[in-house]
């Protein structure tokens, strides 16, 4: 990718990370029936985004690329992942966290690399199940439950 794009992206991601942290500080620290409040996830996400943007900025700064090569934009994968994200947002409450997250991750992994179907299934299932278990059972948080018809 072009160094100028990486430089601009790192600065924008740094700003978004800072905004996430500022926004999370304005949320309540606890919610009804949950030991983990709604402010934790945006706080952690903002911190991770800041750290990753600093790393990207550093790598962009030390990299020397005399040849600026243009890469072809990949619209089809972008549109597939965008549609999967919309599906995820619209069905999270009705289908439940585990199933929706599994489907979202599987579609995204297959969009990025089609040849590894079994690995995509395993990673998607393990990630969605593990996050659900850790957040609900260990941290006593709440996530959209399994659908009623299951």
C-alpha atoms as a PDB file:
ATOM      1  CA  UNK A   1       0.000   0.000   0.000  1.00  0.00           C
ATOM      2  CA  UNK A   2       1.136   3.551  -0.503  1.00  0.00           C
ATOM      3  CA  UNK A   3       3.047   5.073   2.375  1.00  0.00           C
ATOM      4  CA  UNK A   4       1.051   8.286   2.205  1.00  0.00           C
ATOM      5  CA  UNK A   5      -2.187   6.328   2.628  1.00  0.00           C
ATOM      6  CA  UNK A   6      -0.747   4.401   5.597  1.00  0.00           C
ATOM      7  CA  UNK A   7       0.431   7.633   7.191  1.00  0.00           C
ATOM      8  CA  UNK A   8      -2.989   9.282   6.833  1.00  0.00           C
ATOM      9  CA  UNK A   9      -4.771   6.112   7.998  1.00  0.00           C
ATOM     10  CA  UNK A  10      -2.593   5.871  11.107  1.00  0.00           C
ATOM     11  CA  UNK A  11      -3.397   9.451  12.092  1.00  0.00           C
ATOM     12  CA  UNK A  12      -7.129   8.919  11.470  1.00  0.00           C
ATOM     13  CA  UNK A  13      -7.166   5.661  13.457  1.00  0.00           C
ATOM     14  CA  UNK A  14      -5.343   7.406  16.297  1.00  0.00           C
ATOM     15  CA  UNK A  15      -8.050  10.084  16.343  1.00  0.00           C
ATOM     16  CA  UNK A  16     -10.817   7.465  16.277  1.00  0.00           C
ATOM     17  CA  UNK A  17      -9.140   5.583  19.146  1.00  0.00           C
ATOM     18  CA  UNK A  18      -8.971   8.742  21.232  1.00  0.00           C
ATOM     19  CA  UNK A  19     -12.638   9.461  20.460  1.00  0.00           C
ATOM     20  CA  UNK A  20     -13.573   5.914  21.505  1.00  0.00           C
ATOM     21  CA  UNK A  21     -11.846   6.398  24.850  1.00  0.00           C
ATOM     22  CA  UNK A  22     -13.446   9.814  25.382  1.00  0.00           C
ATOM     23  CA  UNK A  23     -16.845   8.398  24.460  1.00  0.00           C
ATOM     24  CA  UNK A  24     -16.440   5.384  26.730  1.00  0.00           C
ATOM     25  CA  UNK A  25     -15.675   7.635  29.682  1.00  0.00           C
ATOM     26  CA  UNK A  26     -19.093   9.263  29.201  1.00  0.00           C
ATOM     27  CA  UNK A  27     -20.946   5.926  29.485  1.00  0.00           C
ATOM     28  CA  UNK A  28     -22.103   4.500  32.784  1.00  0.00           C
ATOM     29  CA  UNK A  29     -19.610   2.165  34.406  1.00  0.00           C
ATOM     30  CA  UNK A  30     -22.153  -0.554  35.169  1.00  0.00           C
ATOM     31  CA  UNK A  31     -25.371  -1.859  33.705  1.00  0.00           C
ATOM     32  CA  UNK A  32     -28.309  -3.692  35.226  1.00  0.00           C
ATOM     33  CA  UNK A  33     -27.560  -7.367  35.785  1.00  0.00           C
ATOM     34  CA  UNK A  34     -23.969  -7.149  34.612  1.00  0.00           C
ATOM     35  CA  UNK A  35     -20.684  -6.874  36.454  1.00  0.00           C
ATOM     36  CA  UNK A  36     -19.074  -5.469  33.300  1.00  0.00           C
ATOM     37  CA  UNK A  37     -20.370  -2.107  32.186  1.00  0.00           C
ATOM     38  CA  UNK A  38     -20.908  -0.819  28.669  1.00  0.00           C
ATOM     39  CA  UNK A  39     -17.840   1.394  28.975  1.00  0.00           C
ATOM     40  CA  UNK A  40     -15.304  -1.468  29.051  1.00  0.00           C
ATOM     41  CA  UNK A  41     -15.417  -2.645  25.430  1.00  0.00           C
ATOM     42  CA  UNK A  42     -15.085   0.818  23.816  1.00  0.00           C
ATOM     43  CA  UNK A  43     -12.290   1.636  26.256  1.00  0.00           C
ATOM     44  CA  UNK A  44     -10.326  -1.496  25.345  1.00  0.00           C
ATOM     45  CA  UNK A  45     -11.100  -1.081  21.644  1.00  0.00           C
ATOM     46  CA  UNK A  46      -9.935   2.544  21.714  1.00  0.00           C
ATOM     47  CA  UNK A  47      -6.719   1.593  23.486  1.00  0.00           C
ATOM     48  CA  UNK A  48      -6.006  -1.178  20.987  1.00  0.00           C
ATOM     49  CA  UNK A  49      -6.735   1.156  18.090  1.00  0.00           C
ATOM     50  CA  UNK A  50      -4.343   3.757  19.487  1.00  0.00           C
ATOM     51  CA  UNK A  51      -1.560   1.204  19.963  1.00  0.00           C
ATOM     52  CA  UNK A  52      -2.023  -0.236  16.459  1.00  0.00           C
ATOM     53  CA  UNK A  53      -2.125   3.218  14.863  1.00  0.00           C
ATOM     54  CA  UNK A  54       1.102   4.186  16.634  1.00  0.00           C
ATOM     55  CA  UNK A  55       2.715   1.017  15.299  1.00  0.00           C
ATOM     56  CA  UNK A  56       1.467   1.728  11.772  1.00  0.00           C
ATOM     57  CA  UNK A  57       2.757   5.295  11.995  1.00  0.00           C
ATOM     58  CA  UNK A  58       6.164   4.043  13.169  1.00  0.00           C
ATOM     59  CA  UNK A  59       6.380   1.433  10.411  1.00  0.00           C
ATOM     60  CA  UNK A  60       5.367   4.021   7.823  1.00  0.00           C
ATOM     61  CA  UNK A  61       7.970   6.411   9.155  1.00  0.00           C
ATOM     62  CA  UNK A  62      10.879   3.938   8.961  1.00  0.00           C
ATOM     63  CA  UNK A  63       9.896   2.359   5.616  1.00  0.00           C
ATOM     64  CA  UNK A  64      11.462   3.699   2.475  1.00  0.00           C
ATOM     65  CA  UNK A  65       9.506   3.072  -0.715  1.00  0.00           C
ATOM     66  CA  UNK A  66      10.940   4.907  -3.718  1.00  0.00           C
ATOM     67  CA  UNK A  67       8.405   3.373  -6.101  1.00  0.00           C
ATOM     68  CA  UNK A  68       4.821   4.363  -5.461  1.00  0.00           C
ATOM     69  CA  UNK A  69       2.835   1.559  -7.048  1.00  0.00           C
ATOM     70  CA  UNK A  70      -0.897   1.792  -7.593  1.00  0.00           C
ATOM     71  CA  UNK A  71      -2.904  -1.200  -6.470  1.00  0.00           C
ATOM     72  CA  UNK A  72      -6.235  -2.122  -7.971  1.00  0.00           C
ATOM     73  CA  UNK A  73      -9.069  -1.480  -5.530  1.00  0.00           C
ATOM     74  CA  UNK A  74     -11.034  -4.577  -4.621  1.00  0.00           C
ATOM     75  CA  UNK A  75     -14.668  -3.536  -4.622  1.00  0.00           C
ATOM     76  CA  UNK A  76     -16.240  -7.000  -4.535  1.00  0.00           C
ATOM     77  CA  UNK A  77     -14.652  -8.117  -1.209  1.00  0.00           C
ATOM     78  CA  UNK A  78     -15.434  -4.719   0.284  1.00  0.00           C
ATOM     79  CA  UNK A  79     -19.104  -4.960  -0.692  1.00  0.00           C
ATOM     80  CA  UNK A  80     -19.375  -8.544   0.595  1.00  0.00           C
ATOM     81  CA  UNK A  81     -17.896  -7.628   3.986  1.00  0.00           C
ATOM     82  CA  UNK A  82     -20.021  -4.462   4.126  1.00  0.00           C
ATOM     83  CA  UNK A  83     -23.178  -6.520   3.460  1.00  0.00           C
ATOM     84  CA  UNK A  84     -22.090  -9.076   6.077  1.00  0.00           C
ATOM     85  CA  UNK A  85     -21.630  -6.251   8.585  1.00  0.00           C
ATOM     86  CA  UNK A  86     -25.122  -4.918   7.882  1.00  0.00           C
ATOM     87  CA  UNK A  87     -26.540  -8.436   8.262  1.00  0.00           C
ATOM     88  CA  UNK A  88     -24.650  -8.776  11.559  1.00  0.00           C
ATOM     89  CA  UNK A  89     -26.028  -5.504  12.892  1.00  0.00           C
ATOM     90  CA  UNK A  90     -29.610  -6.231  11.841  1.00  0.00           C
ATOM     91  CA  UNK A  91     -29.773  -9.835  13.102  1.00  0.00           C
ATOM     92  CA  UNK A  92     -27.686  -9.750  16.286  1.00  0.00           C
ATOM     93  CA  UNK A  93     -30.665  -9.394  18.625  1.00  0.00           C
ATOM     94  CA  UNK A  94     -32.935 -11.913  16.884  1.00  0.00           C
ATOM     95  CA  UNK A  95     -30.484 -14.703  16.046  1.00  0.00           C
ATOM     96  CA  UNK A  96     -28.149 -14.232  19.004  1.00  0.00           C
ATOM     97  CA  UNK A  97     -24.491 -13.404  19.462  1.00  0.00           C
ATOM     98  CA  UNK A  98     -22.905 -16.813  18.889  1.00  0.00           C
ATOM     99  CA  UNK A  99     -24.683 -17.697  15.637  1.00  0.00           C
ATOM    100  CA  UNK A 100     -24.487 -14.195  14.155  1.00  0.00           C
ATOM    101  CA  UNK A 101     -20.825 -13.752  15.031  1.00  0.00           C
ATOM    102  CA  UNK A 102     -19.998 -17.202  13.664  1.00  0.00           C
ATOM    103  CA  UNK A 103     -21.719 -16.410  10.341  1.00  0.00           C
ATOM    104  CA  UNK A 104     -20.111 -12.967  10.120  1.00  0.00           C
ATOM    105  CA  UNK A 105     -16.607 -14.277  10.765  1.00  0.00           C
ATOM    106  CA  UNK A 106     -17.037 -17.214   8.393  1.00  0.00           C
ATOM    107  CA  UNK A 107     -18.202 -14.946   5.552  1.00  0.00           C
ATOM    108  CA  UNK A 108     -15.347 -12.497   6.172  1.00  0.00           C
ATOM    109  CA  UNK A 109     -12.711 -15.241   6.319  1.00  0.00           C
ATOM    110  CA  UNK A 110     -14.026 -16.825   3.150  1.00  0.00           C
ATOM    111  CA  UNK A 111     -14.080 -13.458   1.411  1.00  0.00           C
ATOM    112  CA  UNK A 112     -10.427 -12.929   2.251  1.00  0.00           C
ATOM    113  CA  UNK A 113      -9.249 -16.488   1.534  1.00  0.00           C
ATOM    114  CA  UNK A 114     -11.606 -18.977  -0.087  1.00  0.00           C
ATOM    115  CA  UNK A 115      -9.407 -22.071  -0.009  1.00  0.00           C
ATOM    116  CA  UNK A 116      -9.421 -22.724   3.754  1.00  0.00           C
ATOM    117  CA  UNK A 117     -13.066 -23.588   4.500  1.00  0.00           C
ATOM    118  CA  UNK A 118     -12.449 -26.004   7.407  1.00  0.00           C
ATOM    119  CA  UNK A 119     -10.000 -23.640   9.109  1.00  0.00           C
ATOM    120  CA  UNK A 120     -12.482 -20.781   8.718  1.00  0.00           C
ATOM    121  CA  UNK A 121     -15.240 -22.891  10.284  1.00  0.00           C
ATOM    122  CA  UNK A 122     -13.056 -23.882  13.231  1.00  0.00           C
ATOM    123  CA  UNK A 123     -11.761 -20.375  13.939  1.00  0.00           C
ATOM    124  CA  UNK A 124     -15.214 -18.775  13.581  1.00  0.00           C
ATOM    125  CA  UNK A 125     -16.844 -21.319  15.893  1.00  0.00           C
ATOM    126  CA  UNK A 126     -14.076 -21.214  18.509  1.00  0.00           C
ATOM    127  CA  UNK A 127     -13.879 -17.426  18.554  1.00  0.00           C
ATOM    128  CA  UNK A 128     -17.615 -16.789  18.848  1.00  0.00           C
ATOM    129  CA  UNK A 129     -18.074 -19.519  21.477  1.00  0.00           C
ATOM    130  CA  UNK A 130     -15.020 -18.524  23.498  1.00  0.00           C
ATOM    131  CA  UNK A 131     -15.872 -14.818  23.558  1.00  0.00           C
ATOM    132  CA  UNK A 132     -19.450 -15.609  24.570  1.00  0.00           C
ATOM    133  CA  UNK A 133     -18.257 -17.916  27.362  1.00  0.00           C
ATOM    134  CA  UNK A 134     -15.630 -15.479  28.659  1.00  0.00           C
ATOM    135  CA  UNK A 135     -17.912 -12.457  28.587  1.00  0.00           C
ATOM    136  CA  UNK A 136     -21.087 -14.086  29.933  1.00  0.00           C
ATOM    137  CA  UNK A 137     -19.751 -16.727  32.303  1.00  0.00           C
ATOM    138  CA  UNK A 138     -16.460 -15.269  33.543  1.00  0.00           C
ATOM    139  CA  UNK A 139     -17.109 -11.517  33.412  1.00  0.00           C
ATOM    140  CA  UNK A 140     -20.859 -11.874  34.135  1.00  0.00           C
ATOM    141  CA  UNK A 141     -21.764  -9.615  31.223  1.00  0.00           C
ATOM    142  CA  UNK A 142     -24.797  -9.882  28.980  1.00  0.00           C
ATOM    143  CA  UNK A 143     -24.875 -10.608  25.253  1.00  0.00           C
ATOM    144  CA  UNK A 144     -27.818 -11.432  22.988  1.00  0.00           C
ATOM    145  CA  UNK A 145     -28.811 -14.974  23.895  1.00  0.00           C
ATOM    146  CA  UNK A 146     -29.627 -17.938  21.666  1.00  0.00           C
ATOM    147  CA  UNK A 147     -32.770 -17.591  19.564  1.00  0.00           C
ATOM    148  CA  UNK A 148     -36.040 -18.723  21.141  1.00  0.00           C
ATOM    149  CA  UNK A 149     -36.665 -21.348  18.452  1.00  0.00           C
ATOM    150  CA  UNK A 150     -33.482 -23.283  19.383  1.00  0.00           C
END
